[in-house]
Amino acid sequence: QVVEPFAAPAHAYGPGHRGVDLVWDGGAVRAPSGGIIVFAGPVA
């Protein structure tokens, strides 16, 4: 369930929403496609 849709900024540093926010029932978070984990940890 999308709570907040993507909103492209007018320029690289402009306001916007750079992704989608999804309601989350507390279940597992899964990789949307194959790849390599390049970061896993705290940010701010």
All heavy atoms as atom14 arrays in JSON, in Angstrom:
{
  "sequence": "QVVEPFAAPAHAYGPGHRGVDLVWDGGAVRAPSGGIIVFAGPVA",
  "atom14_mask": [
    [1, 1, 1, 1, 1, 1, 1, 1, 1, 0, 0, 0, 0, 0],
    [1, 1, 1, 1, 1, 1, 1, 0, 0, 0, 0, 0, 0, 0],
    [1, 1, 1, 1, 1, 1, 1, 0, 0, 0, 0, 0, 0, 0],
    [1, 1, 1, 1, 1, 1, 1, 1, 1, 0, 0, 0, 0, 0],
    [1, 1, 1, 1, 1, 1, 1, 0, 0, 0, 0, 0, 0, 0],
    [1, 1, 1, 1, 1, 1, 1, 1, 1, 1, 1, 0, 0, 0],
    [1, 1, 1, 1, 1, 0, 0, 0, 0, 0, 0, 0, 0, 0],
    [1, 1, 1, 1, 1, 0, 0, 0, 0, 0, 0, 0, 0, 0],
    [1, 1, 1, 1, 1, 1, 1, 0, 0, 0, 0, 0, 0, 0],
    [1, 1, 1, 1, 1, 0, 0, 0, 0, 0, 0, 0, 0, 0],
    [1, 1, 1, 1, 1, 1, 1, 1, 1, 1, 0, 0, 0, 0],
    [1, 1, 1, 1, 1, 0, 0, 0, 0, 0, 0, 0, 0, 0],
    [1, 1, 1, 1, 1, 1, 1, 1, 1, 1, 1, 1, 0, 0],
    [1, 1, 1, 1, 0, 0, 0, 0, 0, 0, 0, 0, 0, 0],
    [1, 1, 1, 1, 1, 1, 1, 0, 0, 0, 0, 0, 0, 0],
    [1, 1, 1, 1, 0, 0, 0, 0, 0, 0, 0, 0, 0, 0],
    [1, 1, 1, 1, 1, 1, 1, 1, 1, 1, 0, 0, 0, 0],
    [1, 1, 1, 1, 1, 1, 1, 1, 1, 1, 1, 0, 0, 0],
    [1, 1, 1, 1, 0, 0, 0, 0, 0, 0, 0, 0, 0, 0],
    [1, 1, 1, 1, 1, 1, 1, 0, 0, 0, 0, 0, 0, 0],
    [1, 1, 1, 1, 1, 1, 1, 1, 0, 0, 0, 0, 0, 0],
    [1, 1, 1, 1, 1, 1, 1, 1, 0, 0, 0, 0, 0, 0],
    [1, 1, 1, 1, 1, 1, 1, 0, 0, 0, 0, 0, 0, 0],
    [1, 1, 1, 1, 1, 1, 1, 1, 1, 1, 1, 1, 1, 1],
    [1, 1, 1, 1, 1, 1, 1, 1, 0, 0, 0, 0, 0, 0],
    [1, 1, 1, 1, 0, 0, 0, 0, 0, 0, 0, 0, 0, 0],
    [1, 1, 1, 1, 0, 0, 0, 0, 0, 0, 0, 0, 0, 0],
    [1, 1, 1, 1, 1, 0, 0, 0, 0, 0, 0, 0, 0, 0],
    [1, 1, 1, 1, 1, 1, 1, 0, 0, 0, 0, 0, 0, 0],
    [1, 1, 1, 1, 1, 1, 1, 1, 1, 1, 1, 0, 0, 0],
    [1, 1, 1, 1, 1, 0, 0, 0, 0, 0, 0, 0, 0, 0],
    [1, 1, 1, 1, 1, 1, 1, 0, 0, 0, 0, 0, 0, 0],
    [1, 1, 1, 1, 1, 1, 0, 0, 0, 0, 0, 0, 0, 0],
    [1, 1, 1, 1, 0, 0, 0, 0, 0, 0, 0, 0, 0, 0],
    [1, 1, 1, 1, 0, 0, 0, 0, 0, 0, 0, 0, 0, 0],
    [1, 1, 1, 1, 1, 1, 1, 1, 0, 0, 0, 0, 0, 0],
    [1, 1, 1, 1, 1, 1, 1, 1, 0, 0, 0, 0, 0, 0],
    [1, 1, 1, 1, 1, 1, 1, 0, 0, 0, 0, 0, 0, 0],
    [1, 1, 1, 1, 1, 1, 1, 1, 1, 1, 1, 0, 0, 0],
    [1, 1, 1, 1, 1, 0, 0, 0, 0, 0, 0, 0, 0, 0],
    [1, 1, 1, 1, 0, 0, 0, 0, 0, 0, 0, 0, 0, 0],
    [1, 1, 1, 1, 1, 1, 1, 0, 0, 0, 0, 0, 0, 0],
    [1, 1, 1, 1, 1, 1, 1, 0, 0, 0, 0, 0, 0, 0],
    [1, 1, 1, 1, 1, 0, 0, 0, 0, 0, 0, 0, 0, 0]
  ],
  "atom14_positions": [
    [[0.88, -1.17, 0.0], [0.0, 0.0, 0.0], [0.91, 1.21, 0.0], [1.68, 1.43, 0.95], [-0.92, 0.02, 1.22], [-1.82, 1.24, 1.25], [-2.67, 1.28, 2.5], [-2.7, 0.37, 3.3], [-3.36, 2.38, 2.68], [0.0, 0.0, 0.0], [0.0, 0.0, 0.0], [0.0, 0.0, 0.0], [0.0, 0.0, 0.0], [0.0, 0.0, 0.0]],
    [[0.87, 2.0, -1.07], [1.72, 3.18, -1.18], [1.11, 4.3, -0.34], [-0.05, 4.66, -0.51], [1.87, 3.63, -2.65], [2.66, 4.93, -2.74], [2.52, 2.53, -3.48], [0.0, 0.0, 0.0], [0.0, 0.0, 0.0], [0.0, 0.0, 0.0], [0.0, 0.0, 0.0], [0.0, 0.0, 0.0], [0.0, 0.0, 0.0], [0.0, 0.0, 0.0]],
    [[1.92, 4.83, 0.59], [1.49, 5.92, 1.46], [1.92, 7.26, 0.89], [1.2, 8.23, 0.95], [2.11, 5.76, 2.87], [1.73, 6.9, 3.78], [1.73, 4.45, 3.48], [0.0, 0.0, 0.0], [0.0, 0.0, 0.0], [0.0, 0.0, 0.0], [0.0, 0.0, 0.0], [0.0, 0.0, 0.0], [0.0, 0.0, 0.0], [0.0, 0.0, 0.0]],
    [[3.13, 7.29, 0.34], [3.7, 8.51, -0.23], [4.34, 8.15, -1.56], [5.29, 7.37, -1.6], [4.73, 9.1, 0.72], [5.36, 10.39, 0.28], [4.44, 11.6, 0.41], [3.56, 11.58, 1.28], [4.61, 12.54, -0.38], [0.0, 0.0, 0.0], [0.0, 0.0, 0.0], [0.0, 0.0, 0.0], [0.0, 0.0, 0.0], [0.0, 0.0, 0.0]],
    [[3.85, 8.71, -2.68], [4.41, 8.35, -3.99], [5.73, 9.09, -4.26], [6.1, 10.03, -3.56], [3.33, 8.81, -4.97], [2.67, 9.95, -4.27], [2.71, 9.61, -2.8], [0.0, 0.0, 0.0], [0.0, 0.0, 0.0], [0.0, 0.0, 0.0], [0.0, 0.0, 0.0], [0.0, 0.0, 0.0], [0.0, 0.0, 0.0], [0.0, 0.0, 0.0]],
    [[6.4, 8.68, -5.32], [7.61, 9.34, -5.79], [7.24, 10.73, -6.29], [6.23, 10.9, -6.96], [8.21, 8.51, -6.93], [9.44, 9.1, -7.54], [10.69, 8.89, -6.97], [9.37, 9.87, -8.69], [11.84, 9.42, -7.53], [10.51, 10.4, -9.27], [11.75, 10.18, -8.68], [0.0, 0.0, 0.0], [0.0, 0.0, 0.0], [0.0, 0.0, 0.0]],
    [[8.06, 11.73, -5.96], [7.88, 13.09, -6.46], [9.25, 13.6, -6.88], [10.09, 13.92, -6.02], [7.27, 13.99, -5.4], [0.0, 0.0, 0.0], [0.0, 0.0, 0.0], [0.0, 0.0, 0.0], [0.0, 0.0, 0.0], [0.0, 0.0, 0.0], [0.0, 0.0, 0.0], [0.0, 0.0, 0.0], [0.0, 0.0, 0.0], [0.0, 0.0, 0.0]],
    [[9.5, 13.63, -8.18], [10.81, 14.03, -8.69], [11.08, 15.49, -8.36], [10.21, 16.35, -8.51], [10.85, 13.83, -10.2], [0.0, 0.0, 0.0], [0.0, 0.0, 0.0], [0.0, 0.0, 0.0], [0.0, 0.0, 0.0], [0.0, 0.0, 0.0], [0.0, 0.0, 0.0], [0.0, 0.0, 0.0], [0.0, 0.0, 0.0], [0.0, 0.0, 0.0]],
    [[12.3, 15.79, -7.9], [12.67, 17.18, -7.65], [12.88, 17.91, -8.98], [13.21, 17.29, -9.99], [13.98, 17.07, -6.86], [14.54, 15.75, -7.25], [13.37, 14.86, -7.55], [0.0, 0.0, 0.0], [0.0, 0.0, 0.0], [0.0, 0.0, 0.0], [0.0, 0.0, 0.0], [0.0, 0.0, 0.0], [0.0, 0.0, 0.0], [0.0, 0.0, 0.0]],
    [[12.73, 19.23, -8.96], [12.93, 20.03, -10.16], [14.4, 20.07, -10.58], [14.73, 20.2, -11.75], [12.42, 21.45, -9.95], [0.0, 0.0, 0.0], [0.0, 0.0, 0.0], [0.0, 0.0, 0.0], [0.0, 0.0, 0.0], [0.0, 0.0, 0.0], [0.0, 0.0, 0.0], [0.0, 0.0, 0.0], [0.0, 0.0, 0.0], [0.0, 0.0, 0.0]],
    [[15.29, 19.92, -9.6], [16.73, 19.88, -9.86], [17.39, 19.02, -8.78], [16.73, 18.61, -7.82], [17.35, 21.28, -9.91], [17.06, 22.11, -8.7], [17.77, 22.0, -7.52], [16.11, 23.05, -8.47], [17.29, 22.84, -6.64], [16.28, 23.48, -7.18], [0.0, 0.0, 0.0], [0.0, 0.0, 0.0], [0.0, 0.0, 0.0], [0.0, 0.0, 0.0]],
    [[18.66, 18.73, -8.92], [19.37, 17.78, -8.05], [19.22, 18.08, -6.56], [19.19, 17.17, -5.74], [20.85, 17.72, -8.42], [0.0, 0.0, 0.0], [0.0, 0.0, 0.0], [0.0, 0.0, 0.0], [0.0, 0.0, 0.0], [0.0, 0.0, 0.0], [0.0, 0.0, 0.0], [0.0, 0.0, 0.0], [0.0, 0.0, 0.0], [0.0, 0.0, 0.0]],
    [[19.13, 19.35, -6.19], [19.06, 19.71, -4.77], [17.68, 20.23, -4.36], [17.5, 20.74, -3.27], [20.14, 20.75, -4.44], [21.52, 20.23, -4.77], [22.17, 20.67, -5.93], [22.12, 19.28, -3.98], [23.43, 20.17, -6.25], [23.38, 18.77, -4.3], [24.02, 19.22, -5.44], [25.25, 18.71, -5.77], [0.0, 0.0, 0.0], [0.0, 0.0, 0.0]],
    [[16.71, 20.09, -5.25], [15.37, 20.59, -4.99], [14.56, 19.66, -4.11], [14.91, 18.5, -3.9], [0.0, 0.0, 0.0], [0.0, 0.0, 0.0], [0.0, 0.0, 0.0], [0.0, 0.0, 0.0], [0.0, 0.0, 0.0], [0.0, 0.0, 0.0], [0.0, 0.0, 0.0], [0.0, 0.0, 0.0], [0.0, 0.0, 0.0], [0.0, 0.0, 0.0]],
    [[13.45, 20.17, -3.57], [12.58, 19.32, -2.75], [11.89, 18.26, -3.61], [11.65, 18.47, -4.79], [11.57, 20.31, -2.16], [11.55, 21.45, -3.13], [12.93, 21.52, -3.71], [0.0, 0.0, 0.0], [0.0, 0.0, 0.0], [0.0, 0.0, 0.0], [0.0, 0.0, 0.0], [0.0, 0.0, 0.0], [0.0, 0.0, 0.0], [0.0, 0.0, 0.0]],
    [[11.59, 17.16, -2.99], [10.91, 16.06, -3.67], [10.88, 14.86, -2.76], [11.34, 14.92, -1.62], [0.0, 0.0, 0.0], [0.0, 0.0, 0.0], [0.0, 0.0, 0.0], [0.0, 0.0, 0.0], [0.0, 0.0, 0.0], [0.0, 0.0, 0.0], [0.0, 0.0, 0.0], [0.0, 0.0, 0.0], [0.0, 0.0, 0.0], [0.0, 0.0, 0.0]],
    [[10.34, 13.79, -3.26], [10.33, 12.53, -2.5], [10.97, 11.49, -3.4], [10.36, 11.03, -4.37], [8.9, 12.14, -2.11], [8.87, 10.97, -1.19], [8.29, 9.79, -1.52], [9.38, 10.8, 0.06], [8.42, 8.93, -0.51], [9.09, 9.52, 0.45], [0.0, 0.0, 0.0], [0.0, 0.0, 0.0], [0.0, 0.0, 0.0], [0.0, 0.0, 0.0]],
    [[12.19, 11.11, -3.08], [13.03, 10.28, -3.94], [12.83, 8.8, -3.66], [13.78, 8.08, -3.36], [14.47, 10.71, -3.77], [14.72, 12.12, -4.3], [15.99, 12.71, -3.72], [16.33, 13.98, -4.32], [15.88, 15.16, -3.92], [15.02, 15.23, -2.91], [16.25, 16.27, -4.51], [0.0, 0.0, 0.0], [0.0, 0.0, 0.0], [0.0, 0.0, 0.0]],
    [[11.62, 8.34, -3.79], [11.27, 6.95, -3.57], [9.78, 6.85, -3.31], [9.03, 7.81, -3.53], [0.0, 0.0, 0.0], [0.0, 0.0, 0.0], [0.0, 0.0, 0.0], [0.0, 0.0, 0.0], [0.0, 0.0, 0.0], [0.0, 0.0, 0.0], [0.0, 0.0, 0.0], [0.0, 0.0, 0.0], [0.0, 0.0, 0.0], [0.0, 0.0, 0.0]],
    [[9.34, 5.69, -2.85], [7.96, 5.5, -2.43], [7.96, 4.99, -1.0], [8.87, 4.25, -0.6], [7.17, 4.53, -3.35], [6.99, 5.11, -4.74], [7.8, 3.17, -3.43], [0.0, 0.0, 0.0], [0.0, 0.0, 0.0], [0.0, 0.0, 0.0], [0.0, 0.0, 0.0], [0.0, 0.0, 0.0], [0.0, 0.0, 0.0], [0.0, 0.0, 0.0]],
    [[6.97, 5.4, -0.24], [6.81, 4.91, 1.13], [5.66, 3.92, 1.13], [4.59, 4.19, 0.59], [6.52, 6.06, 2.1], [7.72, 6.97, 2.3], [8.83, 6.6, 1.87], [7.54, 8.05, 2.89], [0.0, 0.0, 0.0], [0.0, 0.0, 0.0], [0.0, 0.0, 0.0], [0.0, 0.0, 0.0], [0.0, 0.0, 0.0], [0.0, 0.0, 0.0]],
    [[5.92, 2.76, 1.74], [4.97, 1.66, 1.74], [4.53, 1.31, 3.15], [5.37, 1.23, 4.05], [5.62, 0.42, 1.11], [6.22, 0.58, -0.27], [7.05, -0.65, -0.64], [5.13, 0.83, -1.29], [0.0, 0.0, 0.0], [0.0, 0.0, 0.0], [0.0, 0.0, 0.0], [0.0, 0.0, 0.0], [0.0, 0.0, 0.0], [0.0, 0.0, 0.0]],
    [[3.22, 1.08, 3.34], [2.74, 0.55, 4.62], [3.41, -0.79, 4.81], [3.57, -1.57, 3.88], [1.21, 0.39, 4.61], [0.75, -0.4, 5.82], [0.53, 1.75, 4.59], [0.0, 0.0, 0.0], [0.0, 0.0, 0.0], [0.0, 0.0, 0.0], [0.0, 0.0, 0.0], [0.0, 0.0, 0.0], [0.0, 0.0, 0.0], [0.0, 0.0, 0.0]],
    [[3.79, -1.05, 6.05], [4.59, -2.23, 6.34], [3.97, -2.96, 7.51], [3.82, -2.4, 8.6], [5.98, -1.75, 6.66], [7.04, -2.74, 6.77], [6.97, -4.08, 6.61], [8.38, -2.45, 7.09], [8.2, -4.65, 6.8], [9.09, -3.64, 7.1], [9.07, -1.28, 7.38], [10.44, -3.72, 7.37], [10.4, -1.35, 7.65], [11.08, -2.56, 7.64]],
    [[3.62, -4.21, 7.31], [2.95, -4.99, 8.36], [3.93, -5.61, 9.35], [3.55, -6.41, 10.19], [2.06, -6.07, 7.75], [2.85, -7.09, 6.94], [4.1, -7.06, 6.95], [2.21, -7.93, 6.28], [0.0, 0.0, 0.0], [0.0, 0.0, 0.0], [0.0, 0.0, 0.0], [0.0, 0.0, 0.0], [0.0, 0.0, 0.0], [0.0, 0.0, 0.0]],
    [[5.2, -5.23, 9.27], [6.2, -5.76, 10.18], [6.87, -7.03, 9.7], [7.75, -7.55, 10.35], [0.0, 0.0, 0.0], [0.0, 0.0, 0.0], [0.0, 0.0, 0.0], [0.0, 0.0, 0.0], [0.0, 0.0, 0.0], [0.0, 0.0, 0.0], [0.0, 0.0, 0.0], [0.0, 0.0, 0.0], [0.0, 0.0, 0.0], [0.0, 0.0, 0.0]],
    [[6.46, -7.52, 8.53], [7.09, -8.72, 7.98], [8.49, -8.43, 7.46], [9.01, -7.33, 7.59], [0.0, 0.0, 0.0], [0.0, 0.0, 0.0], [0.0, 0.0, 0.0], [0.0, 0.0, 0.0], [0.0, 0.0, 0.0], [0.0, 0.0, 0.0], [0.0, 0.0, 0.0], [0.0, 0.0, 0.0], [0.0, 0.0, 0.0], [0.0, 0.0, 0.0]],
    [[9.09, -9.42, 6.87], [10.45, -9.3, 6.35], [10.52, -8.31, 5.19], [9.55, -8.12, 4.46], [10.93, -10.67, 5.88], [0.0, 0.0, 0.0], [0.0, 0.0, 0.0], [0.0, 0.0, 0.0], [0.0, 0.0, 0.0], [0.0, 0.0, 0.0], [0.0, 0.0, 0.0], [0.0, 0.0, 0.0], [0.0, 0.0, 0.0], [0.0, 0.0, 0.0]],
    [[11.7, -7.69, 5.04], [11.99, -6.86, 3.88], [12.83, -7.72, 2.94], [13.82, -8.31, 3.35], [12.78, -5.6, 4.28], [13.09, -4.75, 3.06], [12.0, -4.79, 5.3], [0.0, 0.0, 0.0], [0.0, 0.0, 0.0], [0.0, 0.0, 0.0], [0.0, 0.0, 0.0], [0.0, 0.0, 0.0], [0.0, 0.0, 0.0], [0.0, 0.0, 0.0]],
    [[12.4, -7.78, 1.69], [13.04, -8.67, 0.72], [13.75, -7.88, -0.37], [13.34, -6.76, -0.69], [12.0, -9.59, 0.1], [11.32, -10.47, 1.14], [10.24, -11.35, 0.54], [9.56, -12.12, 1.56], [10.03, -13.23, 2.12], [11.2, -13.7, 1.74], [9.35, -13.86, 3.05], [0.0, 0.0, 0.0], [0.0, 0.0, 0.0], [0.0, 0.0, 0.0]],
    [[14.78, -8.46, -0.93], [15.48, -7.85, -2.07], [14.5, -7.79, -3.23], [13.9, -8.8, -3.59], [16.71, -8.67, -2.44], [0.0, 0.0, 0.0], [0.0, 0.0, 0.0], [0.0, 0.0, 0.0], [0.0, 0.0, 0.0], [0.0, 0.0, 0.0], [0.0, 0.0, 0.0], [0.0, 0.0, 0.0], [0.0, 0.0, 0.0], [0.0, 0.0, 0.0]],
    [[14.33, -6.61, -3.85], [13.41, -6.52, -4.98], [13.95, -7.19, -6.24], [13.19, -7.51, -7.14], [13.24, -5.02, -5.19], [14.46, -4.41, -4.59], [14.89, -5.32, -3.49], [0.0, 0.0, 0.0], [0.0, 0.0, 0.0], [0.0, 0.0, 0.0], [0.0, 0.0, 0.0], [0.0, 0.0, 0.0], [0.0, 0.0, 0.0], [0.0, 0.0, 0.0]],
    [[15.26, -7.43, -6.27], [15.91, -8.09, -7.4], [17.28, -8.55, -6.91], [17.73, -8.14, -5.84], [16.06, -7.11, -8.57], [16.66, -7.74, -9.68], [0.0, 0.0, 0.0], [0.0, 0.0, 0.0], [0.0, 0.0, 0.0], [0.0, 0.0, 0.0], [0.0, 0.0, 0.0], [0.0, 0.0, 0.0], [0.0, 0.0, 0.0], [0.0, 0.0, 0.0]],
    [[17.93, -9.39, -7.69], [19.24, -9.87, -7.31], [20.29, -8.77, -7.3], [20.16, -7.77, -8.01], [0.0, 0.0, 0.0], [0.0, 0.0, 0.0], [0.0, 0.0, 0.0], [0.0, 0.0, 0.0], [0.0, 0.0, 0.0], [0.0, 0.0, 0.0], [0.0, 0.0, 0.0], [0.0, 0.0, 0.0], [0.0, 0.0, 0.0], [0.0, 0.0, 0.0]],
    [[21.31, -8.95, -6.48], [22.39, -7.98, -6.42], [23.34, -8.28, -5.28], [23.37, -9.39, -4.75], [0.0, 0.0, 0.0], [0.0, 0.0, 0.0], [0.0, 0.0, 0.0], [0.0, 0.0, 0.0], [0.0, 0.0, 0.0], [0.0, 0.0, 0.0], [0.0, 0.0, 0.0], [0.0, 0.0, 0.0], [0.0, 0.0, 0.0], [0.0, 0.0, 0.0]],
    [[24.1, -7.26, -4.91], [25.08, -7.37, -3.83], [24.79, -6.3, -2.8], [24.58, -5.13, -3.15], [26.51, -7.2, -4.38], [26.82, -8.31, -5.39], [27.54, -7.19, -3.26], [28.12, -8.13, -6.13], [0.0, 0.0, 0.0], [0.0, 0.0, 0.0], [0.0, 0.0, 0.0], [0.0, 0.0, 0.0], [0.0, 0.0, 0.0], [0.0, 0.0, 0.0]],
    [[24.79, -6.69, -1.52], [24.6, -5.73, -0.43], [25.87, -4.87, -0.36], [26.96, -5.39, -0.13], [24.37, -6.43, 0.93], [23.17, -7.38, 0.87], [24.23, -5.39, 2.04], [21.83, -6.73, 0.71], [0.0, 0.0, 0.0], [0.0, 0.0, 0.0], [0.0, 0.0, 0.0], [0.0, 0.0, 0.0], [0.0, 0.0, 0.0], [0.0, 0.0, 0.0]],
    [[25.73, -3.56, -0.6], [26.89, -2.68, -0.56], [26.92, -1.82, 0.69], [27.94, -1.22, 1.0], [26.99, -1.8, -1.83], [27.29, -2.67, -3.05], [25.75, -0.97, -2.04], [0.0, 0.0, 0.0], [0.0, 0.0, 0.0], [0.0, 0.0, 0.0], [0.0, 0.0, 0.0], [0.0, 0.0, 0.0], [0.0, 0.0, 0.0], [0.0, 0.0, 0.0]],
    [[25.78, -1.75, 1.41], [25.74, -1.06, 2.69], [24.65, -1.67, 3.54], [23.56, -1.96, 3.05], [25.49, 0.44, 2.52], [25.53, 1.18, 3.83], [26.75, 1.56, 4.37], [24.37, 1.45, 4.53], [26.8, 2.21, 5.6], [24.41, 2.1, 5.75], [25.63, 2.47, 6.29], [0.0, 0.0, 0.0], [0.0, 0.0, 0.0], [0.0, 0.0, 0.0]],
    [[24.93, -1.84, 4.83], [23.94, -2.35, 5.78], [24.34, -1.81, 7.14], [25.28, -2.3, 7.76], [23.92, -3.88, 5.78], [0.0, 0.0, 0.0], [0.0, 0.0, 0.0], [0.0, 0.0, 0.0], [0.0, 0.0, 0.0], [0.0, 0.0, 0.0], [0.0, 0.0, 0.0], [0.0, 0.0, 0.0], [0.0, 0.0, 0.0], [0.0, 0.0, 0.0]],
    [[23.65, -0.76, 7.57], [23.99, -0.17, 8.86], [23.25, 1.12, 9.11], [22.35, 1.49, 8.36], [0.0, 0.0, 0.0], [0.0, 0.0, 0.0], [0.0, 0.0, 0.0], [0.0, 0.0, 0.0], [0.0, 0.0, 0.0], [0.0, 0.0, 0.0], [0.0, 0.0, 0.0], [0.0, 0.0, 0.0], [0.0, 0.0, 0.0], [0.0, 0.0, 0.0]],
    [[23.64, 1.83, 10.17], [22.93, 3.06, 10.53], [23.4, 4.28, 9.72], [24.57, 4.4, 9.39], [23.29, 3.24, 12.01], [24.62, 2.57, 12.16], [24.62, 1.44, 11.18], [0.0, 0.0, 0.0], [0.0, 0.0, 0.0], [0.0, 0.0, 0.0], [0.0, 0.0, 0.0], [0.0, 0.0, 0.0], [0.0, 0.0, 0.0], [0.0, 0.0, 0.0]],
    [[22.44, 5.15, 9.41], [22.7, 6.45, 8.8], [21.77, 7.43, 9.5], [20.55, 7.28, 9.43], [22.41, 6.45, 7.28], [22.55, 7.86, 6.71], [23.33, 5.49, 6.55], [0.0, 0.0, 0.0], [0.0, 0.0, 0.0], [0.0, 0.0, 0.0], [0.0, 0.0, 0.0], [0.0, 0.0, 0.0], [0.0, 0.0, 0.0], [0.0, 0.0, 0.0]],
    [[22.34, 8.41, 10.17], [21.56, 9.46, 10.83], [20.46, 8.88, 11.72], [19.32, 9.34, 11.7], [20.98, 10.42, 9.81], [0.0, 0.0, 0.0], [0.0, 0.0, 0.0], [0.0, 0.0, 0.0], [0.0, 0.0, 0.0], [0.0, 0.0, 0.0], [0.0, 0.0, 0.0], [0.0, 0.0, 0.0], [0.0, 0.0, 0.0], [0.0, 0.0, 0.0]]
  ]
}
